[in-house]
Amino acid sequence: MHTMWKGSISFGLVNIPVNLHSATENKDIALRNLHKECHTPIKYEKVCPVCETEISQDDIVKGYEYTKNKFVVLDEEDLKSIKDEKEDKTVEIVDFIKLEEIDPIYFDKSYYLSPNDGGTKAYALLREALKDTNKIGLAKITIRSKEHLAVVRFYKNTLVMETIFFPDEVREVKEVPNVPEQVNIEAKELDTAKLLIDQLTTEFEPSKYQDDYRTALMELIERKKNGEEIVTAKATRKEDNVTDLMEALEKSLKQTNKKKTSTTRKKTTKKKTTSKTG
C-alpha cells in the first residue's frame, strides 16, 4: 500500500511514528475527450485571453480575487513562509471525544495509519486505549499545505484517520431553499411510513452494494472493444398513477411484502436443496 505521508501522532508527551495511506480509491471510469473526426485526445492549453499568447508554468502566479477582477497576488515566497510554519509532520491530538458527537456531514476522507520504525508498541497502546474507552482523538494535521481537522479512531484492528471539515466549511442549513417548516401530516400516514421503514430495515452489508453504472459502462466498453454491435431497446416506464401519498405508502408496503416473501421462499428452497445434497 502506497505511503502518501510520513510523520507522527502525538497526544500529551506520547509520540508515535506513523505512515499515512489512503483508505479509499476513486474507481470512476476516466473517459478522455477526443476529436470526433480523428479520435485524437484534445489538448488543453493555458492561454492568456488578453495577451492572446500561450502561458508556461513559469509565467503563472497565484492570486486571490477579493472583488470582481481585483486580485491580491501571492508569490512563492509568500506562500512558502506560511507553508514552512505549518508544515509540521504531526497528527496532533488535542481532545478525545465520542464518535457519535460528530455528525456525518463533517466527514471528508479516510486514511489508514500504520506504525513506522520504532512506533509499534506506542501504536498498539493508542489503538487498545481508543478501543477500550470507545473514544476517538480529535486532531489537526497539515497535508499538502492545507490544514485539516481530523479524527483518529479504532477500526478493525487498525488506526484510521479521517479528515473532517471545519465548522465554517459546512454551509448553514437555513441556506437550503424550499425546506418546509411545519406540515400537517395525518397520523395514519406517519404510522404507515414508519411501518414501511421497519419493513425495509436490515443489517448493513457493504458487499451487497455495487456501482451498477460503472459495471454497465465497463461491460459496454468491453463489448465495443470486441466489435459487438450495440443495440439498446428503450425501457418502457411503468406508470403507477399514484397521486395520493397514503396510496403510495400502501402500495410500497405491498411490494415490500412480496419481495420479502419471495426472498424467504428462495432461502427455504436453497436450504432444502443443500440438505438433500448433504
C-alpha atoms as a PDB file:
ATOM      1  CA  MET A   1       0.000   0.000   0.000  1.00  0.00           C
ATOM      2  CA  HIS A   2       1.448   3.355  -1.071  1.00  0.00           C
ATOM      3  CA  THR A   3       2.663   5.649   1.717  1.00  0.00           C
ATOM      4  CA  MET A   4       1.497   9.184   0.991  1.00  0.00           C
ATOM      5  CA  TRP A   5       2.733  10.904   4.178  1.00  0.00           C
ATOM      6  CA  LYS A   6       5.178  10.171   6.986  1.00  0.00           C
ATOM      7  CA  GLY A   7       5.069  11.799  10.388  1.00  0.00           C
ATOM      8  CA  SER A   8       3.828  11.053  13.879  1.00  0.00           C
ATOM      9  CA  ILE A   9       0.788  11.032  16.140  1.00  0.00           C
ATOM     10  CA  SER A  10       1.179  12.990  19.339  1.00  0.00           C
ATOM     11  CA  PHE A  11      -1.024  13.105  22.419  1.00  0.00           C
ATOM     12  CA  GLY A  12       0.322  14.504  25.638  1.00  0.00           C
ATOM     13  CA  LEU A  13       4.016  13.591  25.699  1.00  0.00           C
ATOM     14  CA  VAL A  14       3.497  10.396  23.666  1.00  0.00           C
ATOM     15  CA  ASN A  15       4.871  10.459  20.109  1.00  0.00           C
ATOM     16  CA  ILE A  16       4.102   7.641  17.635  1.00  0.00           C
ATOM     17  CA  PRO A  17       5.932   7.481  14.252  1.00  0.00           C
ATOM     18  CA  VAL A  18       3.349   6.620  11.587  1.00  0.00           C
ATOM     19  CA  ASN A  19       2.772   6.301   7.851  1.00  0.00           C
ATOM     20  CA  LEU A  20      -0.403   7.540   6.175  1.00  0.00           C
ATOM     21  CA  HIS A  21      -2.119   5.505   3.444  1.00  0.00           C
ATOM     22  CA  SER A  22      -5.284   6.350   1.520  1.00  0.00           C
ATOM     23  CA  ALA A  23      -8.081   4.082   2.785  1.00  0.00           C
ATOM     24  CA  THR A  24     -10.314   4.582  -0.248  1.00  0.00           C
ATOM     25  CA  GLU A  25      -9.869   4.760  -4.002  1.00  0.00           C
ATOM     26  CA  ASN A  26     -11.832   6.504  -6.700  1.00  0.00           C
ATOM     27  CA  LYS A  27     -12.968   3.888  -9.206  1.00  0.00           C
ATOM     28  CA  ASP A  28     -14.689   6.284 -11.591  1.00  0.00           C
ATOM     29  CA  ILE A  29     -14.010   5.317 -15.196  1.00  0.00           C
ATOM     30  CA  ALA A  30     -11.937   8.051 -16.838  1.00  0.00           C
ATOM     31  CA  LEU A  31     -13.173   8.994 -20.302  1.00  0.00           C
ATOM     32  CA  ARG A  32     -10.950  11.186 -22.491  1.00  0.00           C
ATOM     33  CA  ASN A  33     -12.277  13.925 -24.744  1.00  0.00           C
ATOM     34  CA  LEU A  34     -11.360  13.085 -28.346  1.00  0.00           C
ATOM     35  CA  HIS A  35     -11.605  14.913 -31.655  1.00  0.00           C
ATOM     36  CA  LYS A  36     -14.697  13.442 -33.334  1.00  0.00           C
ATOM     37  CA  GLU A  37     -13.020  13.280 -36.758  1.00  0.00           C
ATOM     38  CA  CYS A  38      -9.703  11.555 -35.966  1.00  0.00           C
ATOM     39  CA  HIS A  39     -10.145  10.405 -32.326  1.00  0.00           C
ATOM     40  CA  THR A  40      -7.076  12.315 -31.143  1.00  0.00           C
ATOM     41  CA  PRO A  41      -7.144  13.352 -27.444  1.00  0.00           C
ATOM     42  CA  ILE A  42      -7.940  17.045 -27.102  1.00  0.00           C
ATOM     43  CA  LYS A  43      -5.095  19.218 -25.829  1.00  0.00           C
ATOM     44  CA  TYR A  44      -5.941  21.957 -23.356  1.00  0.00           C
ATOM     45  CA  GLU A  45      -3.595  24.914 -23.468  1.00  0.00           C
ATOM     46  CA  LYS A  46      -3.139  27.699 -20.931  1.00  0.00           C
ATOM     47  CA  VAL A  47      -3.740  30.911 -22.845  1.00  0.00           C
ATOM     48  CA  CYS A  48      -3.988  34.490 -21.583  1.00  0.00           C
ATOM     49  CA  PRO A  49      -7.182  35.924 -23.146  1.00  0.00           C
ATOM     50  CA  VAL A  50      -5.778  39.486 -23.037  1.00  0.00           C
ATOM     51  CA  CYS A  51      -2.278  38.845 -24.406  1.00  0.00           C
ATOM     52  CA  GLU A  52      -3.573  36.048 -26.647  1.00  0.00           C
ATOM     53  CA  THR A  53      -0.429  34.016 -26.015  1.00  0.00           C
ATOM     54  CA  GLU A  54       0.168  30.555 -24.576  1.00  0.00           C
ATOM     55  CA  ILE A  55       1.425  30.684 -20.987  1.00  0.00           C
ATOM     56  CA  SER A  56       4.071  28.401 -19.445  1.00  0.00           C
ATOM     57  CA  GLN A  57       4.047  27.318 -15.806  1.00  0.00           C
ATOM     58  CA  ASP A  58       6.815  29.821 -15.027  1.00  0.00           C
ATOM     59  CA  ASP A  59       4.534  32.666 -16.127  1.00  0.00           C
ATOM     60  CA  ILE A  60       1.773  31.774 -13.653  1.00  0.00           C
ATOM     61  CA  VAL A  61       1.354  33.224 -10.149  1.00  0.00           C
ATOM     62  CA  LYS A  62      -1.335  32.710  -7.526  1.00  0.00           C
ATOM     63  CA  GLY A  63      -3.922  35.364  -6.827  1.00  0.00           C
ATOM     64  CA  TYR A  64      -6.911  35.836  -4.529  1.00  0.00           C
ATOM     65  CA  GLU A  65      -9.912  37.594  -6.103  1.00  0.00           C
ATOM     66  CA  TYR A  66     -11.230  39.775  -3.277  1.00  0.00           C
ATOM     67  CA  THR A  67     -13.704  41.545  -5.555  1.00  0.00           C
ATOM     68  CA  LYS A  68     -14.628  41.212  -9.236  1.00  0.00           C
ATOM     69  CA  ASN A  69     -11.384  41.350 -11.323  1.00  0.00           C
ATOM     70  CA  LYS A  70      -9.381  42.658  -8.350  1.00  0.00           C
ATOM     71  CA  PHE A  71      -6.622  40.348  -7.108  1.00  0.00           C
ATOM     72  CA  VAL A  72      -4.093  40.123  -4.326  1.00  0.00           C
ATOM     73  CA  VAL A  73      -1.045  38.472  -5.939  1.00  0.00           C
ATOM     74  CA  LEU A  74       0.849  35.943  -3.811  1.00  0.00           C
ATOM     75  CA  ASP A  75       4.294  34.823  -4.950  1.00  0.00           C
ATOM     76  CA  GLU A  76       6.091  31.603  -3.972  1.00  0.00           C
ATOM     77  CA  GLU A  77       7.977  33.290  -1.126  1.00  0.00           C
ATOM     78  CA  ASP A  78       4.717  34.495   0.444  1.00  0.00           C
ATOM     79  CA  LEU A  79       3.238  31.005   0.331  1.00  0.00           C
ATOM     80  CA  LYS A  80       6.456  29.296   1.406  1.00  0.00           C
ATOM     81  CA  SER A  81       6.668  31.366   4.592  1.00  0.00           C
ATOM     82  CA  ILE A  82       3.257  30.092   5.724  1.00  0.00           C
ATOM     83  CA  LYS A  83       3.907  26.566   4.438  1.00  0.00           C
ATOM     84  CA  ASP A  84       7.145  26.243   6.412  1.00  0.00           C
ATOM     85  CA  GLU A  85       5.391  27.490   9.532  1.00  0.00           C
ATOM     86  CA  LYS A  86       2.517  24.996   9.203  1.00  0.00           C
ATOM     87  CA  GLU A  87       4.343  22.015   7.657  1.00  0.00           C
ATOM     88  CA  ASP A  88       4.749  20.162  10.956  1.00  0.00           C
ATOM     89  CA  LYS A  89       4.529  16.437  10.184  1.00  0.00           C
ATOM     90  CA  THR A  90       2.405  15.694  13.219  1.00  0.00           C
ATOM     91  CA  VAL A  91      -1.128  14.460  13.808  1.00  0.00           C
ATOM     92  CA  GLU A  92      -1.609  16.435  16.991  1.00  0.00           C
ATOM     93  CA  ILE A  93      -4.485  15.045  19.052  1.00  0.00           C
ATOM     94  CA  VAL A  94      -5.939  17.949  21.002  1.00  0.00           C
ATOM     95  CA  ASP A  95      -9.049  16.302  22.505  1.00  0.00           C
ATOM     96  CA  PHE A  96     -10.701  12.922  22.975  1.00  0.00           C
ATOM     97  CA  ILE A  97     -14.433  12.702  22.259  1.00  0.00           C
ATOM     98  CA  LYS A  98     -17.164  10.196  21.363  1.00  0.00           C
ATOM     99  CA  LEU A  99     -17.650   9.383  17.673  1.00  0.00           C
ATOM    100  CA  GLU A 100     -21.428   9.856  17.855  1.00  0.00           C
ATOM    101  CA  GLU A 101     -20.917  13.503  18.813  1.00  0.00           C
ATOM    102  CA  ILE A 102     -19.776  14.289  15.241  1.00  0.00           C
ATOM    103  CA  ASP A 103     -22.478  14.456  12.588  1.00  0.00           C
ATOM    104  CA  PRO A 104     -21.557  12.548   9.361  1.00  0.00           C
ATOM    105  CA  ILE A 105     -21.863  15.794   7.366  1.00  0.00           C
ATOM    106  CA  TYR A 106     -18.424  16.768   8.713  1.00  0.00           C
ATOM    107  CA  PHE A 107     -16.547  13.714   7.384  1.00  0.00           C
ATOM    108  CA  ASP A 108     -14.364  14.081   4.293  1.00  0.00           C
ATOM    109  CA  LYS A 109     -11.631  11.498   3.501  1.00  0.00           C
ATOM    110  CA  SER A 110     -10.348   8.350   5.212  1.00  0.00           C
ATOM    111  CA  TYR A 111      -6.748   7.210   5.675  1.00  0.00           C
ATOM    112  CA  TYR A 112      -5.139   4.169   7.280  1.00  0.00           C
ATOM    113  CA  LEU A 113      -2.347   4.786   9.765  1.00  0.00           C
ATOM    114  CA  SER A 114       0.457   2.259  10.164  1.00  0.00           C
ATOM    115  CA  PRO A 115       3.345   2.356  12.652  1.00  0.00           C
ATOM    116  CA  ASN A 116       6.729   3.492  11.372  1.00  0.00           C
ATOM    117  CA  ASP A 117      10.093   2.322  12.702  1.00  0.00           C
ATOM    118  CA  GLY A 118      10.080   2.173  16.492  1.00  0.00           C
ATOM    119  CA  GLY A 119       6.394   3.027  16.812  1.00  0.00           C
ATOM    120  CA  THR A 120       4.808  -0.432  17.042  1.00  0.00           C
ATOM    121  CA  LYS A 121       4.247  -0.568  20.826  1.00  0.00           C
ATOM    122  CA  ALA A 122       3.002   3.025  21.145  1.00  0.00           C
ATOM    123  CA  TYR A 123       0.715   2.462  18.129  1.00  0.00           C
ATOM    124  CA  ALA A 124      -0.769  -0.656  19.743  1.00  0.00           C
ATOM    125  CA  LEU A 125      -1.163   1.210  23.046  1.00  0.00           C
ATOM    126  CA  LEU A 126      -3.188   4.030  21.468  1.00  0.00           C
ATOM    127  CA  ARG A 127      -5.226   1.536  19.429  1.00  0.00           C
ATOM    128  CA  GLU A 128      -6.206  -0.503  22.504  1.00  0.00           C
ATOM    129  CA  ALA A 129      -6.876   2.602  24.599  1.00  0.00           C
ATOM    130  CA  LEU A 130      -9.256   4.016  21.958  1.00  0.00           C
ATOM    131  CA  LYS A 131     -10.966   0.637  21.610  1.00  0.00           C
ATOM    132  CA  ASP A 132     -11.467   0.157  25.359  1.00  0.00           C
ATOM    133  CA  THR A 133     -12.647   3.714  26.061  1.00  0.00           C
ATOM    134  CA  ASN A 134     -14.806   3.886  22.899  1.00  0.00           C
ATOM    135  CA  LYS A 135     -13.326   7.338  22.228  1.00  0.00           C
ATOM    136  CA  ILE A 136     -11.753   8.998  19.192  1.00  0.00           C
ATOM    137  CA  GLY A 137      -8.932  11.519  19.046  1.00  0.00           C
ATOM    138  CA  LEU A 138      -9.713  14.943  17.596  1.00  0.00           C
ATOM    139  CA  ALA A 139      -6.594  16.221  15.865  1.00  0.00           C
ATOM    140  CA  LYS A 140      -5.029  18.748  13.499  1.00  0.00           C
ATOM    141  CA  ILE A 141      -2.815  17.813  10.556  1.00  0.00           C
ATOM    142  CA  THR A 142      -1.339  19.618   7.549  1.00  0.00           C
ATOM    143  CA  ILE A 143      -1.431  17.707   4.251  1.00  0.00           C
ATOM    144  CA  ARG A 144      -0.145  19.328   1.053  1.00  0.00           C
ATOM    145  CA  SER A 145      -0.098  22.816   2.559  1.00  0.00           C
ATOM    146  CA  LYS A 146      -3.700  22.575   3.797  1.00  0.00           C
ATOM    147  CA  GLU A 147      -4.507  22.312   7.474  1.00  0.00           C
ATOM    148  CA  HIS A 148      -7.208  19.769   8.297  1.00  0.00           C
ATOM    149  CA  LEU A 149      -9.254  18.899  11.310  1.00  0.00           C
ATOM    150  CA  ALA A 150      -9.229  15.117  11.724  1.00  0.00           C
ATOM    151  CA  VAL A 151     -10.281  12.239  13.933  1.00  0.00           C
ATOM    152  CA  VAL A 152      -8.170   9.202  14.821  1.00  0.00           C
ATOM    153  CA  ARG A 153     -10.177   6.101  15.651  1.00  0.00           C
ATOM    154  CA  PHE A 154     -10.041   2.329  16.038  1.00  0.00           C
ATOM    155  CA  TYR A 155     -11.224   0.334  13.003  1.00  0.00           C
ATOM    156  CA  LYS A 156     -10.744  -3.425  12.501  1.00  0.00           C
ATOM    157  CA  ASN A 157      -7.509  -3.646  14.492  1.00  0.00           C
ATOM    158  CA  THR A 158      -6.103  -0.575  12.712  1.00  0.00           C
ATOM    159  CA  LEU A 159      -5.935   3.134  13.442  1.00  0.00           C
ATOM    160  CA  VAL A 160      -7.829   5.204  10.907  1.00  0.00           C
ATOM    161  CA  MET A 161      -7.564   8.949  10.430  1.00  0.00           C
ATOM    162  CA  GLU A 162     -10.479  10.755   8.831  1.00  0.00           C
ATOM    163  CA  THR A 163     -10.241  14.381   7.826  1.00  0.00           C
ATOM    164  CA  ILE A 164     -13.309  16.404   8.711  1.00  0.00           C
ATOM    165  CA  PHE A 165     -14.489  19.821   7.630  1.00  0.00           C
ATOM    166  CA  PHE A 166     -14.020  22.846   9.844  1.00  0.00           C
ATOM    167  CA  PRO A 167     -17.336  24.258  11.095  1.00  0.00           C
ATOM    168  CA  ASP A 168     -17.149  27.276   8.754  1.00  0.00           C
ATOM    169  CA  GLU A 169     -16.775  24.896   5.775  1.00  0.00           C
ATOM    170  CA  VAL A 170     -20.195  23.359   6.400  1.00  0.00           C
ATOM    171  CA  ARG A 171     -22.934  25.513   4.943  1.00  0.00           C
ATOM    172  CA  GLU A 172     -25.819  26.657   7.102  1.00  0.00           C
ATOM    173  CA  VAL A 173     -28.964  24.541   6.836  1.00  0.00           C
ATOM    174  CA  LYS A 174     -31.045  27.718   6.656  1.00  0.00           C
ATOM    175  CA  GLU A 175     -29.488  28.391   3.228  1.00  0.00           C
ATOM    176  CA  VAL A 176     -31.265  25.330   1.762  1.00  0.00           C
ATOM    177  CA  PRO A 177     -34.237  26.597  -0.298  1.00  0.00           C
ATOM    178  CA  ASN A 178     -37.858  25.415  -0.042  1.00  0.00           C
ATOM    179  CA  VAL A 179     -37.487  23.352   3.146  1.00  0.00           C
ATOM    180  CA  PRO A 180     -40.947  23.080   4.792  1.00  0.00           C
ATOM    181  CA  GLU A 181     -41.206  24.266   8.379  1.00  0.00           C
ATOM    182  CA  GLN A 182     -44.473  22.804   9.629  1.00  0.00           C
ATOM    183  CA  VAL A 183     -46.678  20.478   7.548  1.00  0.00           C
ATOM    184  CA  ASN A 184     -49.889  18.831   8.707  1.00  0.00           C
ATOM    185  CA  ILE A 185     -49.271  15.081   8.493  1.00  0.00           C
ATOM    186  CA  GLU A 186     -52.022  12.601   9.210  1.00  0.00           C
ATOM    187  CA  ALA A 187     -51.261  10.112  11.994  1.00  0.00           C
ATOM    188  CA  LYS A 188     -52.135   7.205   9.680  1.00  0.00           C
ATOM    189  CA  GLU A 189     -49.676   8.456   7.046  1.00  0.00           C
ATOM    190  CA  LEU A 190     -46.893   8.723   9.619  1.00  0.00           C
ATOM    191  CA  ASP A 191     -47.641   5.269  11.073  1.00  0.00           C
ATOM    192  CA  THR A 192     -47.639   3.718   7.593  1.00  0.00           C
ATOM    193  CA  ALA A 193     -44.364   5.455   6.707  1.00  0.00           C
ATOM    194  CA  LYS A 194     -42.807   4.101   9.920  1.00  0.00           C
ATOM    195  CA  LEU A 195     -44.101   0.617   9.105  1.00  0.00           C
ATOM    196  CA  LEU A 196     -42.540   0.845   5.627  1.00  0.00           C
ATOM    197  CA  ILE A 197     -39.209   1.880   7.195  1.00  0.00           C
ATOM    198  CA  ASP A 198     -39.432  -1.107   9.580  1.00  0.00           C
ATOM    199  CA  GLN A 199     -40.133  -3.443   6.641  1.00  0.00           C
ATOM    200  CA  LEU A 200     -37.093  -2.126   4.740  1.00  0.00           C
ATOM    201  CA  THR A 201     -34.762  -2.098   7.754  1.00  0.00           C
ATOM    202  CA  THR A 202     -31.872  -4.571   7.572  1.00  0.00           C
ATOM    203  CA  GLU A 203     -28.286  -5.006   8.734  1.00  0.00           C
ATOM    204  CA  PHE A 204     -25.685  -3.108   6.739  1.00  0.00           C
ATOM    205  CA  GLU A 205     -23.775  -5.485   4.453  1.00  0.00           C
ATOM    206  CA  PRO A 206     -21.378  -3.392   2.318  1.00  0.00           C
ATOM    207  CA  SER A 207     -20.638  -6.291  -0.038  1.00  0.00           C
ATOM    208  CA  LYS A 208     -24.187  -6.401  -1.401  1.00  0.00           C
ATOM    209  CA  TYR A 209     -23.971  -2.893  -2.845  1.00  0.00           C
ATOM    210  CA  GLN A 210     -22.145  -2.041  -6.068  1.00  0.00           C
ATOM    211  CA  ASP A 211     -21.826   0.738  -8.620  1.00  0.00           C
ATOM    212  CA  ASP A 212     -24.290  -0.512 -11.255  1.00  0.00           C
ATOM    213  CA  TYR A 213     -23.500   2.336 -13.638  1.00  0.00           C
ATOM    214  CA  ARG A 214     -19.754   1.636 -13.575  1.00  0.00           C
ATOM    215  CA  THR A 215     -20.357  -2.093 -14.131  1.00  0.00           C
ATOM    216  CA  ALA A 216     -22.669  -1.428 -17.078  1.00  0.00           C
ATOM    217  CA  LEU A 217     -20.224   1.099 -18.564  1.00  0.00           C
ATOM    218  CA  MET A 218     -17.298  -1.353 -18.363  1.00  0.00           C
ATOM    219  CA  GLU A 219     -19.417  -4.078 -19.974  1.00  0.00           C
ATOM    220  CA  LEU A 220     -20.349  -1.669 -22.771  1.00  0.00           C
ATOM    221  CA  ILE A 221     -16.682  -0.715 -23.285  1.00  0.00           C
ATOM    222  CA  GLU A 222     -15.641  -4.390 -23.449  1.00  0.00           C
ATOM    223  CA  ARG A 223     -18.380  -5.206 -25.975  1.00  0.00           C
ATOM    224  CA  LYS A 224     -17.465  -2.270 -28.183  1.00  0.00           C
ATOM    225  CA  LYS A 225     -13.769  -3.160 -27.875  1.00  0.00           C
ATOM    226  CA  ASN A 226     -14.618  -6.680 -29.115  1.00  0.00           C
ATOM    227  CA  GLY A 227     -16.500  -5.255 -32.084  1.00  0.00           C
ATOM    228  CA  GLU A 228     -20.014  -6.151 -30.975  1.00  0.00           C
ATOM    229  CA  GLU A 229     -22.881  -4.101 -32.348  1.00  0.00           C
ATOM    230  CA  ILE A 230     -24.608  -2.256 -29.526  1.00  0.00           C
ATOM    231  CA  VAL A 231     -28.381  -2.067 -29.763  1.00  0.00           C
ATOM    232  CA  THR A 232     -30.304  -0.957 -26.701  1.00  0.00           C
ATOM    233  CA  ALA A 233     -34.077  -1.011 -26.566  1.00  0.00           C
ATOM    234  CA  LYS A 234     -35.667   1.858 -24.709  1.00  0.00           C
ATOM    235  CA  ALA A 235     -37.153   0.677 -21.463  1.00  0.00           C
ATOM    236  CA  THR A 236     -40.843   1.415 -21.058  1.00  0.00           C
ATOM    237  CA  ARG A 237     -41.503   3.215 -17.826  1.00  0.00           C
ATOM    238  CA  LYS A 238     -44.302   1.730 -15.785  1.00  0.00           C
ATOM    239  CA  GLU A 239     -46.779   4.304 -14.618  1.00  0.00           C
ATOM    240  CA  ASP A 240     -48.437   3.579 -11.302  1.00  0.00           C
ATOM    241  CA  ASN A 241     -50.684   6.629 -11.496  1.00  0.00           C
ATOM    242  CA  VAL A 242     -50.294   7.063  -7.757  1.00  0.00           C
ATOM    243  CA  THR A 243     -51.185  10.605  -6.792  1.00  0.00           C
ATOM    244  CA  ASP A 244     -52.236  10.088  -3.195  1.00  0.00           C
ATOM    245  CA  LEU A 245     -49.471   9.902  -0.552  1.00  0.00           C
ATOM    246  CA  MET A 246     -51.329   7.292   1.525  1.00  0.00           C
ATOM    247  CA  GLU A 247     -51.959   5.171  -1.543  1.00  0.00           C
ATOM    248  CA  ALA A 248     -48.251   5.353  -2.462  1.00  0.00           C
ATOM    249  CA  LEU A 249     -47.245   4.206   1.035  1.00  0.00           C
ATOM    250  CA  GLU A 250     -49.690   1.299   0.998  1.00  0.00           C
ATOM    251  CA  LYS A 251     -48.555   0.164  -2.477  1.00  0.00           C
ATOM    252  CA  SER A 252     -44.937   0.351  -1.319  1.00  0.00           C
ATOM    253  CA  LEU A 253     -45.769  -1.865   1.684  1.00  0.00           C
ATOM    254  CA  LYS A 254     -47.409  -4.459  -0.591  1.00  0.00           C
ATOM    255  CA  GLN A 255     -44.396  -4.503  -2.924  1.00  0.00           C
ATOM    256  CA  THR A 256     -42.021  -4.858   0.032  1.00  0.00           C
ATOM    257  CA  ASN A 257     -44.046  -7.754   1.448  1.00  0.00           C
ATOM    258  CA  LYS A 258     -43.954  -9.512  -1.951  1.00  0.00           C
ATOM    259  CA  LYS A 259     -40.164  -9.109  -2.161  1.00  0.00           C
ATOM    260  CA  LYS A 260     -39.686 -10.418   1.393  1.00  0.00           C
ATOM    261  CA  THR A 261     -41.937 -13.444   0.706  1.00  0.00           C
ATOM    262  CA  SER A 262     -40.027 -14.197  -2.496  1.00  0.00           C
ATOM    263  CA  THR A 263     -36.659 -13.916  -0.734  1.00  0.00           C
ATOM    264  CA  THR A 264     -37.822 -16.183   2.111  1.00  0.00           C
ATOM    265  CA  ARG A 265     -39.022 -18.812  -0.376  1.00  0.00           C
ATOM    266  CA  LYS A 266     -35.669 -18.740  -2.205  1.00  0.00           C
ATOM    267  CA  LYS A 267     -33.758 -19.175   1.074  1.00  0.00           C
ATOM    268  CA  THR A 268     -36.044 -22.078   2.133  1.00  0.00           C
ATOM    269  CA  THR A 269     -35.638 -23.808  -1.257  1.00  0.00           C
ATOM    270  CA  LYS A 270     -31.871 -23.363  -1.078  1.00  0.00           C
ATOM    271  CA  LYS A 271     -31.749 -24.890   2.433  1.00  0.00           C
ATOM    272  CA  LYS A 272     -33.831 -27.905   1.311  1.00  0.00           C
ATOM    273  CA  THR A 273     -31.594 -28.455  -1.731  1.00  0.00           C
ATOM    274  CA  THR A 274     -28.478 -28.217   0.436  1.00  0.00           C
ATOM    275  CA  SER A 275     -29.938 -30.719   2.959  1.00  0.00           C
ATOM    276  CA  LYS A 276     -30.769 -33.257   0.216  1.00  0.00           C
ATOM    277  CA  THR A 277     -27.311 -32.880  -1.321  1.00  0.00           C
ATOM    278  CA  GLY A 278     -25.678 -33.398   2.071  1.00  0.00           C
END
